[in-house]
N, C-alpha and C. Protein backbone atom coordinates (compact mmCIF):
# COMPACT_ATOMS: atom_id res chain seq x y z
N MET A 1 82.43 -15.53 4.21
CA MET A 1 82.23 -16.22 5.44
C MET A 1 81.46 -15.38 6.44
N LYS A 2 81.67 -14.06 6.36
CA LYS A 2 80.97 -13.19 7.30
C LYS A 2 79.46 -13.26 7.09
N ASN A 3 79.04 -13.39 5.85
CA ASN A 3 77.61 -13.44 5.57
C ASN A 3 76.96 -14.67 6.18
N ILE A 4 77.63 -15.82 6.11
CA ILE A 4 77.06 -17.04 6.68
C ILE A 4 77.00 -16.93 8.19
N ARG A 5 78.05 -16.37 8.81
CA ARG A 5 78.03 -16.19 10.27
C ARG A 5 76.91 -15.22 10.68
N THR A 6 76.74 -14.18 9.92
CA THR A 6 75.69 -13.21 10.25
C THR A 6 74.32 -13.89 10.17
N ILE A 7 74.09 -14.68 9.14
CA ILE A 7 72.81 -15.37 8.97
C ILE A 7 72.59 -16.35 10.11
N LEU A 8 73.63 -17.13 10.46
CA LEU A 8 73.50 -18.10 11.53
C LEU A 8 73.26 -17.43 12.88
N SER A 9 73.96 -16.34 13.15
CA SER A 9 73.76 -15.66 14.43
C SER A 9 72.39 -15.00 14.50
N THR A 10 71.90 -14.48 13.38
CA THR A 10 70.56 -13.87 13.35
C THR A 10 69.51 -14.95 13.58
N LYS A 11 69.71 -16.13 12.98
CA LYS A 11 68.77 -17.23 13.16
C LYS A 11 68.75 -17.69 14.61
N LYS A 12 69.91 -17.71 15.25
CA LYS A 12 69.96 -18.11 16.65
C LYS A 12 69.26 -17.09 17.53
N MET A 13 69.40 -15.80 17.23
CA MET A 13 68.79 -14.75 18.06
C MET A 13 67.26 -14.79 17.92
N LEU A 14 66.78 -15.00 16.71
CA LEU A 14 65.33 -14.99 16.48
C LEU A 14 64.69 -16.31 16.88
N GLY A 15 65.41 -17.35 16.82
CA GLY A 15 64.84 -18.66 17.11
C GLY A 15 64.12 -19.20 15.89
N ASN A 16 63.38 -20.26 16.04
CA ASN A 16 62.66 -20.87 14.93
C ASN A 16 61.26 -20.26 14.86
N GLN A 17 61.07 -19.22 14.01
CA GLN A 17 59.78 -18.50 13.93
C GLN A 17 59.09 -18.67 12.59
N SER A 18 59.33 -19.71 11.88
CA SER A 18 58.68 -19.89 10.58
C SER A 18 57.29 -20.52 10.77
N GLY A 19 56.30 -20.16 9.91
CA GLY A 19 54.96 -20.73 9.95
C GLY A 19 54.02 -19.99 10.90
N PHE A 20 52.76 -20.49 10.97
CA PHE A 20 51.74 -19.90 11.80
C PHE A 20 51.46 -20.80 13.00
N THR A 21 51.03 -20.19 14.07
CA THR A 21 50.63 -20.99 15.23
C THR A 21 49.19 -21.45 15.04
N LEU A 22 48.79 -22.42 15.79
CA LEU A 22 47.43 -22.94 15.71
C LEU A 22 46.41 -21.86 16.06
N VAL A 23 46.70 -21.02 17.02
CA VAL A 23 45.80 -19.94 17.42
C VAL A 23 45.61 -18.96 16.27
N GLU A 24 46.67 -18.62 15.56
CA GLU A 24 46.56 -17.70 14.43
C GLU A 24 45.70 -18.29 13.31
N VAL A 25 45.86 -19.57 13.06
CA VAL A 25 45.06 -20.22 12.03
C VAL A 25 43.59 -20.24 12.43
N LEU A 26 43.29 -20.54 13.70
CA LEU A 26 41.90 -20.56 14.16
C LEU A 26 41.26 -19.18 14.08
N ILE A 27 42.00 -18.14 14.42
CA ILE A 27 41.48 -16.77 14.33
C ILE A 27 41.19 -16.42 12.87
N ALA A 28 42.09 -16.77 11.97
CA ALA A 28 41.89 -16.47 10.54
C ALA A 28 40.66 -17.21 10.01
N ILE A 29 40.49 -18.47 10.38
CA ILE A 29 39.32 -19.23 9.93
C ILE A 29 38.03 -18.65 10.50
N SER A 30 38.07 -18.19 11.74
CA SER A 30 36.88 -17.58 12.35
C SER A 30 36.49 -16.31 11.61
N ILE A 31 37.45 -15.47 11.30
CA ILE A 31 37.17 -14.23 10.57
C ILE A 31 36.61 -14.55 9.18
N LEU A 32 37.19 -15.52 8.51
CA LEU A 32 36.72 -15.92 7.19
C LEU A 32 35.29 -16.45 7.26
N THR A 33 34.98 -17.23 8.28
CA THR A 33 33.63 -17.79 8.45
C THR A 33 32.60 -16.69 8.66
N VAL A 34 32.90 -15.73 9.50
CA VAL A 34 31.97 -14.61 9.74
C VAL A 34 31.74 -13.85 8.44
N GLY A 35 32.78 -13.62 7.67
CA GLY A 35 32.63 -12.92 6.39
C GLY A 35 31.78 -13.69 5.41
N LEU A 36 31.99 -14.99 5.32
CA LEU A 36 31.20 -15.81 4.40
C LEU A 36 29.74 -15.89 4.82
N LEU A 37 29.47 -15.92 6.12
CA LEU A 37 28.08 -15.92 6.59
C LEU A 37 27.39 -14.61 6.23
N GLY A 38 28.11 -13.51 6.30
CA GLY A 38 27.55 -12.22 5.91
C GLY A 38 27.20 -12.19 4.43
N VAL A 39 28.08 -12.73 3.60
CA VAL A 39 27.82 -12.79 2.16
C VAL A 39 26.62 -13.70 1.88
N ALA A 40 26.51 -14.82 2.58
CA ALA A 40 25.38 -15.73 2.39
C ALA A 40 24.07 -15.04 2.75
N GLN A 41 24.07 -14.28 3.83
CA GLN A 41 22.86 -13.56 4.24
C GLN A 41 22.46 -12.53 3.19
N MET A 42 23.45 -11.84 2.60
CA MET A 42 23.15 -10.88 1.55
C MET A 42 22.55 -11.58 0.33
N GLN A 43 23.04 -12.76 -0.01
CA GLN A 43 22.49 -13.52 -1.13
C GLN A 43 21.03 -13.88 -0.87
N ILE A 44 20.73 -14.33 0.32
CA ILE A 44 19.35 -14.70 0.67
C ILE A 44 18.43 -13.49 0.56
N MET A 45 18.88 -12.34 1.07
CA MET A 45 18.06 -11.13 0.98
C MET A 45 17.87 -10.70 -0.47
N GLY A 46 18.89 -10.87 -1.28
CA GLY A 46 18.78 -10.53 -2.70
C GLY A 46 17.78 -11.42 -3.42
N ILE A 47 17.80 -12.70 -3.11
CA ILE A 47 16.86 -13.64 -3.73
C ILE A 47 15.43 -13.31 -3.31
N ARG A 48 15.23 -13.01 -2.04
CA ARG A 48 13.88 -12.63 -1.57
C ARG A 48 13.41 -11.35 -2.25
N GLY A 49 14.30 -10.38 -2.37
CA GLY A 49 13.93 -9.12 -3.03
C GLY A 49 13.55 -9.33 -4.48
N ASN A 50 14.31 -10.17 -5.19
CA ASN A 50 13.99 -10.46 -6.58
C ASN A 50 12.65 -11.18 -6.71
N TYR A 51 12.37 -12.11 -5.81
CA TYR A 51 11.10 -12.83 -5.82
C TYR A 51 9.94 -11.86 -5.61
N PHE A 52 10.07 -10.98 -4.63
CA PHE A 52 9.00 -10.02 -4.33
C PHE A 52 8.80 -9.05 -5.49
N SER A 53 9.88 -8.53 -6.04
CA SER A 53 9.73 -7.56 -7.13
C SER A 53 9.17 -8.23 -8.38
N GLY A 54 9.53 -9.49 -8.63
CA GLY A 54 8.94 -10.20 -9.76
C GLY A 54 7.45 -10.40 -9.60
N ASN A 55 7.02 -10.76 -8.39
CA ASN A 55 5.59 -10.93 -8.13
C ASN A 55 4.85 -9.60 -8.21
N THR A 56 5.47 -8.52 -7.73
CA THR A 56 4.84 -7.21 -7.81
C THR A 56 4.66 -6.79 -9.27
N THR A 57 5.67 -7.00 -10.08
CA THR A 57 5.58 -6.65 -11.49
C THR A 57 4.50 -7.47 -12.18
N ALA A 58 4.47 -8.77 -11.92
CA ALA A 58 3.45 -9.63 -12.54
C ALA A 58 2.05 -9.23 -12.10
N SER A 59 1.87 -8.92 -10.81
CA SER A 59 0.53 -8.56 -10.33
C SER A 59 0.09 -7.20 -10.88
N LEU A 60 1.01 -6.26 -11.02
CA LEU A 60 0.64 -4.98 -11.64
C LEU A 60 0.25 -5.17 -13.10
N THR A 61 0.94 -6.04 -13.80
CA THR A 61 0.59 -6.34 -15.18
C THR A 61 -0.80 -6.97 -15.27
N LEU A 62 -1.09 -7.91 -14.36
CA LEU A 62 -2.42 -8.53 -14.33
C LEU A 62 -3.51 -7.50 -14.03
N ALA A 63 -3.24 -6.59 -13.11
CA ALA A 63 -4.23 -5.55 -12.78
C ALA A 63 -4.43 -4.61 -13.97
N GLU A 64 -3.34 -4.25 -14.62
CA GLU A 64 -3.44 -3.34 -15.77
C GLU A 64 -4.22 -3.99 -16.92
N GLU A 65 -3.94 -5.25 -17.19
CA GLU A 65 -4.65 -5.94 -18.27
C GLU A 65 -6.15 -6.01 -17.98
N LYS A 66 -6.51 -6.31 -16.74
CA LYS A 66 -7.94 -6.39 -16.39
C LYS A 66 -8.59 -5.02 -16.48
N MET A 67 -7.88 -3.99 -16.04
CA MET A 67 -8.44 -2.64 -16.11
C MET A 67 -8.68 -2.25 -17.57
N GLU A 68 -7.74 -2.52 -18.44
CA GLU A 68 -7.93 -2.21 -19.86
C GLU A 68 -9.12 -2.99 -20.43
N ASP A 69 -9.25 -4.25 -20.03
CA ASP A 69 -10.37 -5.07 -20.49
C ASP A 69 -11.70 -4.47 -20.02
N LEU A 70 -11.79 -4.10 -18.75
CA LEU A 70 -13.04 -3.56 -18.21
C LEU A 70 -13.37 -2.19 -18.80
N LEU A 71 -12.37 -1.35 -18.99
CA LEU A 71 -12.64 -0.03 -19.55
C LEU A 71 -13.05 -0.11 -21.01
N GLY A 72 -12.69 -1.20 -21.68
CA GLY A 72 -13.10 -1.38 -23.08
C GLY A 72 -14.50 -1.95 -23.23
N LYS A 73 -15.10 -2.40 -22.15
CA LYS A 73 -16.44 -2.97 -22.20
C LYS A 73 -17.49 -1.87 -22.11
N SER A 74 -18.72 -2.23 -22.50
CA SER A 74 -19.80 -1.24 -22.42
C SER A 74 -20.14 -0.96 -20.95
N TYR A 75 -20.72 0.19 -20.73
CA TYR A 75 -21.04 0.64 -19.38
C TYR A 75 -21.98 -0.32 -18.67
N SER A 76 -22.83 -1.02 -19.42
CA SER A 76 -23.82 -1.91 -18.82
C SER A 76 -23.37 -3.38 -18.80
N ASP A 77 -22.13 -3.67 -19.11
CA ASP A 77 -21.63 -5.05 -19.11
C ASP A 77 -21.73 -5.63 -17.70
N THR A 78 -22.00 -6.93 -17.61
CA THR A 78 -22.17 -7.57 -16.30
C THR A 78 -20.87 -7.57 -15.48
N ASP A 79 -19.72 -7.51 -16.15
CA ASP A 79 -18.46 -7.42 -15.40
C ASP A 79 -18.30 -6.08 -14.69
N LEU A 80 -19.12 -5.11 -15.06
CA LEU A 80 -19.09 -3.79 -14.42
C LEU A 80 -20.29 -3.58 -13.49
N ASP A 81 -20.98 -4.65 -13.12
CA ASP A 81 -22.10 -4.54 -12.18
C ASP A 81 -21.58 -4.36 -10.76
N ASP A 82 -22.27 -3.51 -10.03
CA ASP A 82 -21.97 -3.31 -8.60
C ASP A 82 -22.81 -4.32 -7.83
N THR A 83 -22.29 -5.53 -7.67
CA THR A 83 -23.05 -6.60 -7.04
C THR A 83 -22.99 -6.56 -5.52
N GLU A 84 -22.10 -5.79 -4.97
CA GLU A 84 -21.92 -5.71 -3.51
C GLU A 84 -21.83 -4.23 -3.10
N PRO A 85 -22.98 -3.53 -2.99
CA PRO A 85 -22.94 -2.10 -2.65
C PRO A 85 -22.32 -1.81 -1.28
N GLY A 86 -22.23 -2.83 -0.43
CA GLY A 86 -21.64 -2.62 0.89
C GLY A 86 -20.17 -2.28 0.87
N ASN A 87 -19.48 -2.54 -0.25
CA ASN A 87 -18.05 -2.23 -0.31
C ASN A 87 -17.75 -0.90 -0.99
N ASN A 88 -18.79 -0.15 -1.34
CA ASN A 88 -18.56 1.10 -2.08
C ASN A 88 -17.78 2.15 -1.29
N ALA A 89 -17.86 2.10 0.01
CA ALA A 89 -17.07 3.05 0.81
C ALA A 89 -15.59 2.66 0.85
N ASN A 90 -15.30 1.37 0.60
CA ASN A 90 -13.92 0.89 0.61
C ASN A 90 -13.75 -0.11 -0.54
N LEU A 91 -13.44 0.41 -1.72
CA LEU A 91 -13.32 -0.45 -2.88
C LEU A 91 -12.07 -1.32 -2.86
N THR A 92 -11.16 -1.08 -1.94
CA THR A 92 -9.97 -1.93 -1.84
C THR A 92 -10.19 -3.11 -0.89
N SER A 93 -11.42 -3.30 -0.45
CA SER A 93 -11.74 -4.43 0.42
C SER A 93 -11.61 -5.74 -0.35
N ILE A 94 -11.02 -6.73 0.30
CA ILE A 94 -10.96 -8.05 -0.33
C ILE A 94 -11.86 -9.05 0.40
N THR A 95 -12.66 -8.55 1.32
CA THR A 95 -13.61 -9.43 2.02
C THR A 95 -15.00 -9.33 1.41
N THR A 96 -15.45 -8.12 1.07
CA THR A 96 -16.72 -7.96 0.35
C THR A 96 -16.35 -7.53 -1.07
N ILE A 97 -16.60 -8.40 -2.02
CA ILE A 97 -16.12 -8.16 -3.38
C ILE A 97 -17.25 -8.27 -4.39
N ASP A 98 -17.07 -7.58 -5.51
CA ASP A 98 -18.04 -7.63 -6.60
C ASP A 98 -17.73 -8.79 -7.56
N HIS A 99 -16.47 -8.93 -7.95
CA HIS A 99 -16.07 -9.96 -8.93
C HIS A 99 -14.67 -10.46 -8.57
N GLU A 100 -14.37 -11.73 -8.92
CA GLU A 100 -13.04 -12.24 -8.63
C GLU A 100 -12.66 -13.36 -9.59
N GLU A 101 -11.37 -13.56 -9.71
CA GLU A 101 -10.78 -14.68 -10.44
C GLU A 101 -9.71 -15.27 -9.53
N LEU A 102 -9.78 -16.56 -9.30
CA LEU A 102 -8.82 -17.24 -8.41
C LEU A 102 -7.76 -17.97 -9.21
N ASN A 103 -6.60 -18.15 -8.59
CA ASN A 103 -5.51 -18.95 -9.15
C ASN A 103 -5.11 -18.51 -10.56
N ILE A 104 -4.83 -17.22 -10.68
CA ILE A 104 -4.40 -16.65 -11.96
C ILE A 104 -2.88 -16.84 -12.06
N ASP A 105 -2.39 -17.20 -13.25
CA ASP A 105 -0.94 -17.27 -13.44
C ASP A 105 -0.45 -15.95 -14.05
N GLU A 106 0.86 -15.86 -14.30
CA GLU A 106 1.46 -14.62 -14.79
C GLU A 106 0.93 -14.18 -16.15
N THR A 107 0.39 -15.13 -16.92
CA THR A 107 -0.13 -14.80 -18.24
C THR A 107 -1.60 -14.39 -18.21
N GLY A 108 -2.23 -14.47 -17.05
CA GLY A 108 -3.63 -14.10 -16.92
C GLY A 108 -4.58 -15.27 -17.06
N GLN A 109 -4.05 -16.48 -17.20
CA GLN A 109 -4.89 -17.66 -17.34
C GLN A 109 -5.37 -18.13 -15.96
N VAL A 110 -6.63 -18.51 -15.88
CA VAL A 110 -7.19 -18.99 -14.64
C VAL A 110 -6.80 -20.44 -14.43
N GLY A 111 -6.35 -20.75 -13.22
CA GLY A 111 -5.98 -22.12 -12.87
C GLY A 111 -4.47 -22.30 -12.76
N GLY A 112 -4.04 -22.73 -11.61
CA GLY A 112 -2.64 -23.07 -11.43
C GLY A 112 -1.72 -21.93 -11.03
N GLY A 113 -2.23 -20.73 -10.91
CA GLY A 113 -1.37 -19.61 -10.56
C GLY A 113 -1.46 -19.25 -9.09
N ILE A 114 -0.65 -18.28 -8.68
CA ILE A 114 -0.61 -17.87 -7.28
C ILE A 114 -1.34 -16.55 -7.02
N TYR A 115 -1.92 -15.97 -8.07
CA TYR A 115 -2.53 -14.65 -7.93
C TYR A 115 -4.05 -14.75 -7.80
N HIS A 116 -4.62 -13.80 -7.07
CA HIS A 116 -6.06 -13.70 -6.84
C HIS A 116 -6.44 -12.30 -7.33
N ARG A 117 -7.27 -12.23 -8.38
CA ARG A 117 -7.64 -10.94 -8.96
C ARG A 117 -9.08 -10.61 -8.61
N ILE A 118 -9.26 -9.44 -8.01
CA ILE A 118 -10.57 -8.97 -7.55
C ILE A 118 -10.83 -7.62 -8.21
N TRP A 119 -12.08 -7.37 -8.59
CA TRP A 119 -12.43 -6.01 -8.99
C TRP A 119 -13.76 -5.64 -8.37
N ASN A 120 -13.73 -4.45 -7.78
CA ASN A 120 -14.91 -3.88 -7.13
C ASN A 120 -15.37 -2.68 -7.93
N VAL A 121 -16.68 -2.52 -7.99
CA VAL A 121 -17.29 -1.45 -8.79
C VAL A 121 -18.25 -0.67 -7.90
N ALA A 122 -18.19 0.65 -8.03
CA ALA A 122 -19.15 1.51 -7.33
C ALA A 122 -19.86 2.37 -8.36
N ASP A 123 -21.18 2.28 -8.40
CA ASP A 123 -21.98 3.07 -9.34
C ASP A 123 -22.12 4.50 -8.87
N ASN A 124 -22.14 5.41 -9.86
CA ASN A 124 -22.43 6.84 -9.63
C ASN A 124 -21.49 7.48 -8.60
N THR A 125 -20.27 7.06 -8.58
CA THR A 125 -19.28 7.73 -7.72
C THR A 125 -18.08 8.09 -8.58
N PRO A 126 -17.51 9.20 -8.45
CA PRO A 126 -17.85 10.30 -7.55
C PRO A 126 -18.98 11.18 -8.07
N ILE A 127 -19.37 11.00 -9.36
CA ILE A 127 -20.48 11.79 -9.90
C ILE A 127 -21.44 10.84 -10.63
N LEU A 128 -22.66 11.32 -10.86
CA LEU A 128 -23.66 10.51 -11.55
C LEU A 128 -23.17 10.17 -12.96
N GLY A 129 -23.52 8.96 -13.41
CA GLY A 129 -23.16 8.54 -14.76
C GLY A 129 -21.74 8.00 -14.87
N THR A 130 -21.12 7.70 -13.74
CA THR A 130 -19.77 7.11 -13.76
C THR A 130 -19.74 5.88 -12.87
N LYS A 131 -18.73 5.07 -13.10
CA LYS A 131 -18.47 3.93 -12.23
C LYS A 131 -16.99 3.99 -11.84
N THR A 132 -16.75 3.79 -10.57
CA THR A 132 -15.38 3.68 -10.11
C THR A 132 -15.02 2.20 -10.05
N VAL A 133 -13.95 1.85 -10.71
CA VAL A 133 -13.51 0.46 -10.78
C VAL A 133 -12.15 0.36 -10.09
N THR A 134 -12.04 -0.57 -9.16
CA THR A 134 -10.78 -0.83 -8.47
C THR A 134 -10.41 -2.29 -8.67
N ILE A 135 -9.21 -2.51 -9.19
CA ILE A 135 -8.68 -3.87 -9.39
C ILE A 135 -7.66 -4.13 -8.28
N ILE A 136 -7.79 -5.27 -7.61
CA ILE A 136 -6.84 -5.67 -6.57
C ILE A 136 -6.29 -7.04 -6.96
N VAL A 137 -4.97 -7.16 -6.99
CA VAL A 137 -4.34 -8.45 -7.24
C VAL A 137 -3.52 -8.78 -6.00
N THR A 138 -3.78 -9.97 -5.44
CA THR A 138 -3.06 -10.41 -4.24
C THR A 138 -2.29 -11.69 -4.55
N TRP A 139 -1.30 -11.98 -3.72
CA TRP A 139 -0.57 -13.24 -3.82
C TRP A 139 -0.06 -13.62 -2.44
N ASP A 140 0.49 -14.81 -2.32
CA ASP A 140 0.95 -15.36 -1.04
C ASP A 140 -0.18 -15.35 -0.01
N ASN A 141 -1.30 -15.98 -0.38
CA ASN A 141 -2.48 -16.07 0.51
C ASN A 141 -2.97 -14.70 0.97
N ASP A 142 -3.02 -13.78 0.04
CA ASP A 142 -3.52 -12.41 0.27
C ASP A 142 -2.63 -11.59 1.22
N SER A 143 -1.40 -12.00 1.43
CA SER A 143 -0.52 -11.22 2.32
C SER A 143 0.12 -10.04 1.61
N HIS A 144 0.18 -10.08 0.28
CA HIS A 144 0.71 -8.96 -0.51
C HIS A 144 -0.34 -8.57 -1.54
N ARG A 145 -0.38 -7.28 -1.88
CA ARG A 145 -1.38 -6.84 -2.84
C ARG A 145 -0.95 -5.56 -3.55
N VAL A 146 -1.50 -5.40 -4.74
CA VAL A 146 -1.41 -4.15 -5.49
C VAL A 146 -2.83 -3.81 -5.94
N SER A 147 -3.08 -2.54 -6.17
CA SER A 147 -4.41 -2.15 -6.64
C SER A 147 -4.31 -0.97 -7.59
N LEU A 148 -5.26 -0.91 -8.51
CA LEU A 148 -5.41 0.18 -9.47
C LEU A 148 -6.86 0.62 -9.45
N SER A 149 -7.09 1.92 -9.60
CA SER A 149 -8.46 2.46 -9.64
C SER A 149 -8.60 3.38 -10.84
N CYS A 150 -9.82 3.40 -11.38
CA CYS A 150 -10.11 4.27 -12.50
C CYS A 150 -11.61 4.58 -12.50
N ILE A 151 -11.96 5.68 -13.11
CA ILE A 151 -13.37 6.07 -13.23
C ILE A 151 -13.79 5.87 -14.69
N LYS A 152 -14.88 5.13 -14.88
CA LYS A 152 -15.40 4.88 -16.23
C LYS A 152 -16.66 5.72 -16.44
N PRO A 153 -16.66 6.57 -17.47
CA PRO A 153 -17.86 7.35 -17.76
C PRO A 153 -18.87 6.51 -18.53
N GLN A 154 -20.09 6.98 -18.53
CA GLN A 154 -21.18 6.25 -19.19
C GLN A 154 -21.06 6.32 -20.68
């Protein structure tokens, strides 16, 4: 009997304190919402990073393939002509260009892709009998770019 009296008297002293108040529930939901928004923002940044790194990898592959193709051609091939000598001081220029391919896809096929492949050639630089070849691949309306340069001997 003493145990029941003790329980009843303790309940009377504490009052009815079971459950959460509305304020506590609102605070918990607010904290949960802020946490979930932070996780959502991290997901968005992760998706953007993956998109950018995928495009960078694809554009570097396109530049490398074109460089290998050009270096395998003869020194006098028309793809290695310096058609725009005004860009020789800045071979990474995408405004004055020697050669270009538009709308390249990830496989290197022309048409339907998001990449723009440019290659500029400078004759007899840095020494006579050589050509400096720079490949530039851009995407997102030329807002991002990668470039590779190499010297081809005669």
